[in-house]
Amino acid sequence: MESDRKKETFYSIFFSLGSKVLTYILLLVFANLYSPDEFGRGIFALNIRNIIMMFSFIGLPEAIIPFLIRKKNVGLLLKTFIIINVPLIIAGLVFSFFQPWALPLVITFPLIFLTSLAVAITRAHDKYSKQFKAGVWSILVTLILAYFLKSQGVYGVTSAYAAGNLFAFFYLIYPVKKEMKEAFRLKMLKGERKTLKLYFKNAFFITTISGIFVLLGWISSTLLGILSTVEEVARFGVASSIAGVVSVIPTSLSLFMINRAIQIKNKEKRSRVLNRVTRISFFSSLLASLIIISFIPWIIKIFFPQYAGIELSLVILFVGAIFFSSYYIVYSYYIGKMESHKAMLPAIVGLSSGLVLSLILIPIMGLEGAALSNLLAHIAIFFILIFKERMKRIAVLSILALIFAPLTYYSGYFGFLIILMLIPVSLIFKVITKEDLEVLKEFTFKLVRKK
């Protein structure tokens, strides 16, 4: 069972990375096959739908997983979601009467709700990679439809995305159709209303904190546009997208952490698992970042020559991603324990510090100031959460990221020597253990055999 969980976690990282790559390709296809007006209107409508879903599907799928694992009845909760979303669907249909190109996004709106529930059920069964596999295939479907519907303008954009949603719906729903029917069965048990109250309390904090994390990325970019130039906004966007690749590691490991926080009853064992997953996330993200950093000059020269000059900002953003890789695991641990409120104050501190530092640093340093304010905001959240869980060794040794990242970049072609030093240094200072390396080696061999 434990071996299956590890395998699922590793496949989640693999397919999540594949999804990232395909998303970049999809953006290139849309940018080249559709006019800016067509693509812009389609993406705007998609973003509006995503914002609405963030509130109308509050907490899904993460917040419902603890209830599913603990075999709690969620029938009343799901009926409540239906009551909330039916008026929104009707409003969407009315809007589509005047703007027919929005209809595909409205029709697939309820299907995404069911897909989110299916994701929660599969994750409750420790099948973490299923949603990322669905993501890869749905992007491929969107990619194909985007090409064949290029003559349809904005309707082609919305239809392509809706087709991807439809594929993900069937891919995820069919294997868990019996569990889906059981979940919707309304049983008015004694604790049903308590479950409803507990869910929405936890879901509120999850949604709010997730929104804060999104705003943390938007603040630097937005203030850069106000205090600097729109060209700098574009450069920051490219740098953020490249550095964001590393986030597939903590986001994939977080799925494992949420489930284990629910399943493990022994407090000491649960704490040991948290420490190990945090160490692996930190080390893997640091290693991946250093490898990419060593290739930054080539990446910019070959793929983004018009964005030459963002290299230093990119290094800073990678360091921020490394700190994120640690504290996001702790946050996921809180989600599993249904104590997500513990991450609220650190998230607010991070957001506030990011805002203040952006206002101070952007006028002075421009693009680098935006990247630095983002990094310092991540560091603030990191230290509060890490010390809260008494992981002082990880906090102290996080200085490795601050040292190794710039050293790797400024060492040029000799950057790989810094990377080779990482493993022995990490072992000496117990950032990672031999057992952790064995887990990573096992994952790598399984990936090679899978391929």
Protein backbone atom coordinates (compact mmCIF):
# COMPACT_ATOMS: atom_id res chain seq x y z
CA MET A 1 0.00 0.00 0.00
CA GLU A 2 2.77 2.42 0.95
CA SER A 3 4.60 1.52 -2.27
CA ASP A 4 1.47 2.35 -4.28
CA ARG A 5 1.22 5.75 -2.60
CA LYS A 6 4.83 6.55 -3.46
CA LYS A 7 4.30 5.45 -7.05
CA GLU A 8 1.16 7.57 -7.37
CA THR A 9 2.98 10.59 -5.95
CA PHE A 10 5.82 10.23 -8.42
CA TYR A 11 3.48 9.79 -11.39
CA SER A 12 1.67 12.91 -10.20
CA ILE A 13 4.92 14.88 -10.53
CA PHE A 14 5.59 13.38 -13.96
CA PHE A 15 2.12 14.07 -15.40
CA SER A 16 1.92 17.48 -13.74
CA LEU A 17 5.15 18.45 -15.47
CA GLY A 18 3.76 17.12 -18.76
CA SER A 19 0.64 19.21 -18.20
CA LYS A 20 2.78 22.33 -17.69
CA VAL A 21 4.66 21.74 -20.94
CA LEU A 22 1.44 21.14 -22.90
CA THR A 23 -0.09 24.29 -21.42
CA TYR A 24 2.79 26.36 -22.82
CA ILE A 25 2.32 24.70 -26.24
CA LEU A 26 -1.43 25.37 -26.07
CA LEU A 27 -0.82 29.07 -25.41
CA LEU A 28 1.50 29.22 -28.43
CA VAL A 29 -1.18 27.58 -30.61
CA PHE A 30 -3.88 30.00 -29.48
CA ALA A 31 -1.54 32.98 -29.88
CA ASN A 32 -0.71 32.02 -33.47
CA LEU A 33 -4.08 30.72 -34.73
CA TYR A 34 -6.44 33.28 -33.19
CA SER A 35 -6.48 37.06 -33.18
CA PRO A 36 -5.68 38.83 -29.90
CA ASP A 37 -9.31 39.96 -29.66
CA GLU A 38 -10.70 36.42 -30.12
CA PHE A 39 -8.25 34.80 -27.74
CA GLY A 40 -8.56 37.65 -25.24
CA ARG A 41 -12.37 37.43 -25.05
CA GLY A 42 -12.25 33.65 -24.72
CA ILE A 43 -9.66 33.71 -21.94
CA PHE A 44 -11.50 36.55 -20.18
CA ALA A 45 -14.71 34.47 -20.12
CA LEU A 46 -12.74 31.43 -18.92
CA ASN A 47 -11.19 33.47 -16.09
CA ILE A 48 -14.61 34.79 -15.04
CA ARG A 49 -15.91 31.21 -14.90
CA ASN A 50 -12.89 30.16 -12.82
CA ILE A 51 -13.47 33.00 -10.34
CA ILE A 52 -17.16 32.05 -10.00
CA MET A 53 -16.22 28.39 -9.44
CA MET A 54 -13.71 29.36 -6.79
CA PHE A 55 -16.63 30.57 -4.65
CA SER A 56 -19.52 28.38 -5.82
CA PHE A 57 -17.43 25.17 -5.53
CA ILE A 58 -15.88 26.47 -2.31
CA GLY A 59 -13.18 24.13 -1.00
CA LEU A 60 -13.57 21.45 -3.70
CA PRO A 61 -11.90 19.05 -4.04
CA GLU A 62 -9.47 19.40 -1.06
CA ALA A 63 -11.93 20.19 1.75
CA ILE A 64 -14.18 17.19 1.12
CA ILE A 65 -11.38 14.59 1.06
CA PRO A 66 -11.14 14.22 4.89
CA PHE A 67 -14.88 13.47 5.04
CA LEU A 68 -14.65 10.86 2.27
CA ILE A 69 -11.66 9.11 3.85
CA ARG A 70 -13.46 9.04 7.22
CA LYS A 71 -16.60 7.63 5.53
CA LYS A 72 -18.75 10.60 6.51
CA ASN A 73 -22.07 11.10 4.76
CA VAL A 74 -21.85 14.08 2.38
CA GLY A 75 -25.27 13.86 0.73
CA LEU A 76 -26.65 17.02 2.35
CA LEU A 77 -23.42 18.88 1.55
CA LEU A 78 -23.65 17.99 -2.15
CA LYS A 79 -27.33 18.94 -2.27
CA THR A 80 -26.35 22.31 -0.80
CA PHE A 81 -23.83 22.77 -3.61
CA ILE A 82 -26.56 22.05 -6.17
CA ILE A 83 -28.83 24.68 -4.60
CA ILE A 84 -25.98 27.23 -4.74
CA ASN A 85 -25.04 26.51 -8.36
CA VAL A 86 -28.42 26.10 -10.12
CA PRO A 87 -29.13 29.89 -10.15
CA LEU A 88 -25.61 30.51 -11.50
CA ILE A 89 -26.19 28.05 -14.36
CA ILE A 90 -29.52 29.69 -15.21
CA ALA A 91 -27.82 33.12 -15.21
CA GLY A 92 -25.12 31.72 -17.49
CA LEU A 93 -27.71 30.38 -19.94
CA VAL A 94 -29.43 33.78 -20.03
CA PHE A 95 -26.07 35.44 -20.75
CA SER A 96 -25.38 32.87 -23.50
CA PHE A 97 -28.64 33.85 -25.20
CA PHE A 98 -27.07 37.25 -25.90
CA GLN A 99 -23.46 35.97 -26.25
CA PRO A 100 -23.69 32.47 -27.83
CA TRP A 101 -19.90 31.97 -27.80
CA ALA A 102 -20.07 31.63 -23.99
CA LEU A 103 -22.51 28.68 -24.14
CA PRO A 104 -19.84 25.90 -24.18
CA LEU A 105 -18.38 27.23 -20.91
CA VAL A 106 -21.84 27.41 -19.30
CA ILE A 107 -22.85 23.88 -20.39
CA THR A 108 -19.68 22.36 -18.93
CA PHE A 109 -20.00 24.34 -15.66
CA PRO A 110 -21.99 21.60 -13.81
CA LEU A 111 -19.75 18.91 -15.31
CA ILE A 112 -16.71 20.53 -13.68
CA PHE A 113 -18.50 20.34 -10.32
CA LEU A 114 -19.00 16.59 -10.80
CA THR A 115 -15.42 16.25 -12.02
CA SER A 116 -14.17 17.97 -8.85
CA LEU A 117 -16.10 15.45 -6.75
CA ALA A 118 -14.65 12.59 -8.81
CA VAL A 119 -11.15 14.00 -8.22
CA ALA A 120 -11.82 14.05 -4.47
CA ILE A 121 -13.02 10.43 -4.52
CA THR A 122 -10.00 9.19 -6.50
CA ARG A 123 -7.63 11.09 -4.19
CA ALA A 124 -9.40 9.65 -1.15
CA HIS A 125 -8.49 6.24 -2.62
CA ASP A 126 -4.82 7.35 -2.88
CA LYS A 127 -5.02 7.63 -6.68
CA TYR A 128 -3.27 11.01 -6.81
CA SER A 129 -2.00 10.82 -10.38
CA LYS A 130 -5.44 10.30 -11.96
CA GLN A 131 -6.31 13.99 -12.01
CA PHE A 132 -2.97 14.90 -13.63
CA LYS A 133 -3.40 12.21 -16.29
CA ALA A 134 -6.84 13.66 -16.98
CA GLY A 135 -5.23 17.10 -17.17
CA VAL A 136 -2.71 15.96 -19.79
CA TRP A 137 -5.36 14.32 -21.97
CA SER A 138 -7.82 17.21 -21.64
CA ILE A 139 -5.13 19.70 -22.74
CA LEU A 140 -4.38 17.49 -25.75
CA VAL A 141 -8.10 17.46 -26.64
CA THR A 142 -8.21 21.25 -26.25
CA LEU A 143 -5.11 21.54 -28.44
CA ILE A 144 -6.65 19.45 -31.25
CA LEU A 145 -9.99 21.27 -31.13
CA ALA A 146 -8.23 24.66 -31.05
CA TYR A 147 -6.57 23.77 -34.36
CA PHE A 148 -9.71 22.47 -36.11
CA LEU A 149 -11.94 25.29 -34.83
CA LYS A 150 -9.52 28.12 -35.70
CA SER A 151 -12.00 29.56 -38.23
CA GLN A 152 -14.69 29.90 -35.53
CA GLY A 153 -13.03 32.79 -33.69
CA VAL A 154 -13.88 33.23 -30.01
CA TYR A 155 -16.42 30.38 -30.26
CA GLY A 156 -13.50 28.13 -31.21
CA VAL A 157 -11.59 29.17 -28.08
CA THR A 158 -14.45 28.49 -25.67
CA SER A 159 -15.46 25.26 -27.46
CA ALA A 160 -11.91 23.90 -27.35
CA TYR A 161 -11.65 24.47 -23.60
CA ALA A 162 -15.14 23.02 -23.05
CA ALA A 163 -14.17 19.89 -25.01
CA GLY A 164 -11.18 19.44 -22.71
CA ASN A 165 -13.51 19.77 -19.69
CA LEU A 166 -15.87 17.20 -21.21
CA PHE A 167 -13.06 14.68 -21.74
CA ALA A 168 -11.83 15.10 -18.15
CA PHE A 169 -15.41 14.57 -16.94
CA PHE A 170 -15.79 11.17 -18.64
CA TYR A 171 -12.22 10.10 -17.87
CA LEU A 172 -12.59 10.71 -14.13
CA ILE A 173 -16.29 9.96 -13.56
CA TYR A 174 -16.55 6.47 -15.10
CA PRO A 175 -14.14 4.63 -12.72
CA VAL A 176 -15.92 6.03 -9.61
CA LYS A 177 -19.53 6.14 -10.83
CA LYS A 178 -20.76 3.88 -7.98
CA GLU A 179 -19.06 6.03 -5.34
CA MET A 180 -20.54 9.13 -6.99
CA LYS A 181 -24.08 7.73 -6.70
CA GLU A 182 -23.44 6.77 -3.09
CA ALA A 183 -22.09 10.24 -2.28
CA PHE A 184 -25.27 11.92 -3.56
CA ARG A 185 -27.52 9.64 -1.56
CA LEU A 186 -29.17 11.80 1.08
CA LYS A 187 -29.18 10.21 4.53
CA MET A 188 -30.41 12.52 7.25
CA LEU A 189 -28.15 11.23 9.98
CA LYS A 190 -27.62 12.89 13.32
CA GLY A 191 -24.22 14.39 12.48
CA GLU A 192 -25.14 15.54 8.97
CA ARG A 193 -25.64 19.21 9.84
CA LYS A 194 -22.42 19.18 11.87
CA THR A 195 -20.58 17.83 8.81
CA LEU A 196 -22.04 20.67 6.74
CA LYS A 197 -20.90 23.31 9.23
CA LEU A 198 -17.44 21.79 9.63
CA TYR A 199 -16.97 21.53 5.86
CA PHE A 200 -17.82 25.15 5.10
CA LYS A 201 -15.65 26.38 7.97
CA ASN A 202 -12.63 24.50 6.61
CA ALA A 203 -13.52 25.31 2.99
CA PHE A 204 -13.66 29.04 3.79
CA PHE A 205 -10.06 29.04 5.03
CA ILE A 206 -8.83 26.87 2.14
CA THR A 207 -10.45 29.14 -0.45
CA THR A 208 -9.27 32.33 1.27
CA ILE A 209 -5.68 31.12 1.64
CA SER A 210 -5.63 29.85 -1.96
CA GLY A 211 -6.82 33.29 -3.04
CA ILE A 212 -4.04 34.92 -1.00
CA PHE A 213 -1.45 32.68 -2.71
CA VAL A 214 -2.80 33.78 -6.10
CA LEU A 215 -2.74 37.44 -5.05
CA LEU A 216 0.85 37.01 -3.86
CA GLY A 217 1.83 36.37 -7.48
CA TRP A 218 -0.41 39.10 -8.85
CA ILE A 219 0.76 41.89 -6.51
CA SER A 220 4.30 42.14 -7.87
CA SER A 221 3.09 41.94 -11.47
CA THR A 222 0.31 44.51 -10.99
CA LEU A 223 2.45 47.03 -9.11
CA LEU A 224 5.19 46.56 -11.70
CA GLY A 225 2.69 47.76 -14.32
CA ILE A 226 1.73 50.77 -12.19
CA LEU A 227 5.17 51.77 -10.90
CA SER A 228 7.25 50.70 -13.89
CA THR A 229 6.31 49.75 -17.49
CA VAL A 230 4.08 47.15 -19.18
CA GLU A 231 7.20 45.72 -20.81
CA GLU A 232 8.50 44.89 -17.33
CA VAL A 233 5.18 43.17 -16.58
CA ALA A 234 5.67 40.93 -19.62
CA ARG A 235 9.25 40.16 -18.57
CA PHE A 236 8.09 39.32 -15.04
CA GLY A 237 5.35 37.09 -16.47
CA VAL A 238 7.85 35.10 -18.54
CA ALA A 239 10.24 34.74 -15.59
CA SER A 240 7.40 33.64 -13.28
CA SER A 241 6.21 31.04 -15.79
CA ILE A 242 9.68 29.51 -16.07
CA ALA A 243 10.26 29.47 -12.31
CA GLY A 244 6.76 28.06 -11.80
CA VAL A 245 7.82 24.74 -13.32
CA VAL A 246 9.36 23.78 -9.96
CA SER A 247 5.96 24.09 -8.25
CA VAL A 248 4.89 20.72 -9.71
CA ILE A 249 7.01 19.04 -7.00
CA PRO A 250 5.34 20.47 -3.86
CA THR A 251 1.84 20.50 -5.39
CA SER A 252 2.15 16.80 -6.28
CA LEU A 253 3.65 15.83 -2.92
CA SER A 254 0.91 17.81 -1.18
CA LEU A 255 -1.69 15.28 -2.39
CA PHE A 256 0.18 12.53 -0.54
CA MET A 257 0.57 14.75 2.54
CA ILE A 258 -3.14 15.61 2.76
CA ASN A 259 -4.14 11.94 2.74
CA ARG A 260 -1.47 10.81 5.20
CA ALA A 261 -2.39 13.61 7.62
CA ILE A 262 -5.92 12.17 7.63
CA GLN A 263 -5.01 8.47 7.68
CA ILE A 264 -2.28 8.44 10.35
CA LYS A 265 -3.74 8.63 13.85
CA ASN A 266 -0.49 8.54 15.81
CA LYS A 267 0.70 12.12 16.35
CA GLU A 268 4.45 11.29 16.45
CA LYS A 269 4.30 9.18 13.28
CA ARG A 270 2.30 11.88 11.52
CA SER A 271 4.92 14.45 12.50
CA ARG A 272 7.73 12.22 11.16
CA VAL A 273 5.91 11.87 7.83
CA LEU A 274 5.48 15.66 7.67
CA ASN A 275 9.19 16.18 8.28
CA ARG A 276 10.20 13.64 5.64
CA VAL A 277 7.84 14.94 2.95
CA THR A 278 8.94 18.52 3.68
CA ARG A 279 12.62 17.51 3.41
CA ILE A 280 12.05 15.67 0.13
CA SER A 281 10.05 18.57 -1.30
CA PHE A 282 12.73 21.10 -0.27
CA PHE A 283 15.65 19.01 -1.56
CA SER A 284 13.96 18.00 -4.84
CA SER A 285 12.89 21.58 -5.56
CA LEU A 286 16.38 22.87 -4.72
CA LEU A 287 18.02 20.28 -6.97
CA ALA A 288 15.60 20.91 -9.86
CA SER A 289 16.03 24.68 -9.50
CA LEU A 290 19.82 24.48 -9.56
CA ILE A 291 19.77 22.32 -12.68
CA ILE A 292 17.49 24.78 -14.49
CA ILE A 293 19.47 27.78 -13.19
CA SER A 294 22.66 26.32 -14.68
CA PHE A 295 20.92 26.38 -18.08
CA ILE A 296 19.32 29.82 -17.74
CA PRO A 297 21.63 31.58 -20.24
CA TRP A 298 20.84 28.91 -22.86
CA ILE A 299 17.10 28.88 -22.09
CA ILE A 300 16.85 32.64 -22.55
CA LYS A 301 19.11 32.69 -25.62
CA ILE A 302 17.26 29.89 -27.46
CA PHE A 303 13.60 30.27 -26.39
CA PHE A 304 13.23 33.85 -25.11
CA PRO A 305 15.90 35.99 -26.82
CA GLN A 306 13.63 39.06 -26.70
CA TYR A 307 13.58 38.76 -22.89
CA ALA A 308 17.34 38.87 -22.35
CA GLY A 309 18.07 40.58 -19.05
CA ILE A 310 15.58 38.69 -16.89
CA GLU A 311 18.19 36.14 -15.77
CA LEU A 312 18.85 37.56 -12.29
CA SER A 313 15.13 38.00 -11.61
CA LEU A 314 14.60 34.41 -12.68
CA VAL A 315 17.19 33.17 -10.18
CA ILE A 316 15.48 35.15 -7.40
CA LEU A 317 12.08 33.70 -8.34
CA PHE A 318 13.53 30.17 -8.31
CA VAL A 319 14.74 30.72 -4.73
CA GLY A 320 11.22 31.85 -3.82
CA ALA A 321 9.84 28.65 -5.39
CA ILE A 322 12.20 26.59 -3.18
CA PHE A 323 10.84 28.22 0.00
CA PHE A 324 7.31 27.69 -1.31
CA SER A 325 8.08 23.99 -1.77
CA SER A 326 8.57 23.61 1.99
CA TYR A 327 5.77 25.67 3.48
CA TYR A 328 3.17 24.39 0.98
CA ILE A 329 3.66 20.89 2.38
CA VAL A 330 2.97 22.19 5.91
CA TYR A 331 -0.14 23.97 4.62
CA SER A 332 -1.31 20.71 2.97
CA TYR A 333 -0.74 18.94 6.28
CA TYR A 334 -3.14 21.41 7.91
CA ILE A 335 -5.74 20.77 5.19
CA GLY A 336 -5.62 17.04 5.94
CA LYS A 337 -6.03 17.68 9.67
CA MET A 338 -8.88 20.13 8.91
CA GLU A 339 -6.84 22.88 10.59
CA SER A 340 -6.27 25.07 7.54
CA HIS A 341 -7.03 28.14 9.69
CA LYS A 342 -3.52 27.78 11.15
CA ALA A 343 -2.08 28.97 7.83
CA MET A 344 -4.27 32.08 7.63
CA LEU A 345 -2.05 34.43 9.66
CA PRO A 346 1.20 33.39 7.86
CA ALA A 347 -0.55 33.88 4.49
CA ILE A 348 -1.77 37.36 5.48
CA VAL A 349 1.71 38.28 6.74
CA GLY A 350 3.21 37.08 3.45
CA LEU A 351 0.69 39.02 1.38
CA SER A 352 1.12 42.21 3.45
CA SER A 353 4.92 42.04 3.35
CA GLY A 354 4.82 41.37 -0.40
CA LEU A 355 2.65 44.46 -0.93
CA VAL A 356 4.79 46.77 1.23
CA LEU A 357 8.10 45.49 -0.19
CA SER A 358 6.83 45.81 -3.77
CA LEU A 359 5.93 49.45 -3.14
CA ILE A 360 9.42 50.07 -1.76
CA LEU A 361 11.61 47.95 -4.06
CA ILE A 362 9.96 48.26 -7.50
CA PRO A 363 10.60 52.03 -7.88
CA ILE A 364 14.24 51.43 -6.90
CA MET A 365 15.08 48.11 -8.60
CA GLY A 366 12.33 47.58 -11.18
CA LEU A 367 12.00 43.95 -12.30
CA GLU A 368 14.54 42.68 -9.75
CA GLY A 369 12.65 44.56 -7.03
CA ALA A 370 9.42 42.77 -7.95
CA ALA A 371 11.16 39.39 -7.85
CA LEU A 372 12.88 40.20 -4.54
CA SER A 373 9.65 41.32 -2.85
CA ASN A 374 8.03 38.07 -4.00
CA LEU A 375 10.93 36.06 -2.55
CA LEU A 376 10.84 37.85 0.81
CA ALA A 377 7.07 37.28 1.06
CA HIS A 378 7.64 33.53 0.55
CA ILE A 379 10.41 33.59 3.18
CA ALA A 380 8.06 35.25 5.69
CA ILE A 381 5.40 32.55 5.24
CA PHE A 382 8.08 29.85 5.29
CA PHE A 383 9.60 30.82 8.64
CA ILE A 384 6.25 31.25 10.41
CA LEU A 385 4.93 27.83 9.31
CA ILE A 386 8.23 25.96 9.71
CA PHE A 387 8.80 27.28 13.24
CA LYS A 388 5.15 26.61 14.09
CA GLU A 389 5.83 22.93 13.37
CA ARG A 390 9.23 23.10 15.11
CA MET A 391 11.21 22.11 12.02
CA LYS A 392 14.11 24.34 13.03
CA ARG A 393 16.75 22.34 11.14
CA ILE A 394 14.96 22.91 7.83
CA ALA A 395 14.58 26.60 8.70
CA VAL A 396 18.29 27.04 9.44
CA LEU A 397 19.45 24.99 6.47
CA SER A 398 17.14 26.84 4.08
CA ILE A 399 20.15 29.12 3.76
CA LEU A 400 21.44 26.52 1.29
CA ALA A 401 18.93 27.84 -1.23
CA LEU A 402 20.14 31.42 -0.69
CA ILE A 403 23.77 30.36 -1.20
CA PHE A 404 23.64 27.61 -3.83
CA ALA A 405 21.25 29.31 -6.28
CA PRO A 406 23.32 32.49 -6.94
CA LEU A 407 26.56 30.46 -6.80
CA THR A 408 25.26 28.12 -9.49
CA TYR A 409 24.20 31.04 -11.69
CA TYR A 410 27.39 33.08 -11.33
CA SER A 411 29.60 29.99 -11.76
CA GLY A 412 28.51 29.77 -15.39
CA TYR A 413 29.68 26.52 -16.99
CA PHE A 414 31.05 25.39 -13.62
CA GLY A 415 27.58 25.53 -12.08
CA PHE A 416 27.30 21.74 -12.24
CA LEU A 417 30.12 21.50 -9.68
CA ILE A 418 27.85 23.34 -7.22
CA ILE A 419 25.05 20.89 -8.02
CA LEU A 420 27.36 17.91 -7.39
CA MET A 421 28.19 19.39 -3.98
CA LEU A 422 24.51 19.58 -3.03
CA ILE A 423 23.96 15.91 -2.13
CA PRO A 424 26.97 15.45 0.21
CA VAL A 425 26.35 18.85 1.85
CA SER A 426 22.66 18.01 2.33
CA LEU A 427 23.56 14.64 3.87
CA ILE A 428 26.17 16.17 6.21
CA PHE A 429 23.74 18.79 7.52
CA LYS A 430 20.84 16.29 7.49
CA VAL A 431 18.71 18.30 5.10
CA ILE A 432 18.02 14.90 3.59
CA THR A 433 18.78 11.36 4.76
CA LYS A 434 20.01 8.24 2.98
CA GLU A 435 16.48 6.84 3.30
CA ASP A 436 15.10 9.92 1.54
CA LEU A 437 17.60 9.41 -1.30
CA GLU A 438 16.53 5.77 -1.54
CA VAL A 439 12.93 6.90 -1.98
CA LEU A 440 13.95 9.34 -4.73
CA LYS A 441 16.06 6.65 -6.43
CA GLU A 442 13.18 4.20 -6.29
CA PHE A 443 10.86 6.79 -7.86
CA THR A 444 13.35 7.46 -10.66
CA PHE A 445 13.75 3.78 -11.52
CA LYS A 446 9.99 3.34 -11.57
CA LEU A 447 9.64 6.24 -13.99
CA VAL A 448 12.29 4.76 -16.31
CA ARG A 449 10.56 1.37 -16.26
CA LYS A 450 7.18 3.04 -16.84
CA LYS A 451 8.52 4.87 -19.89
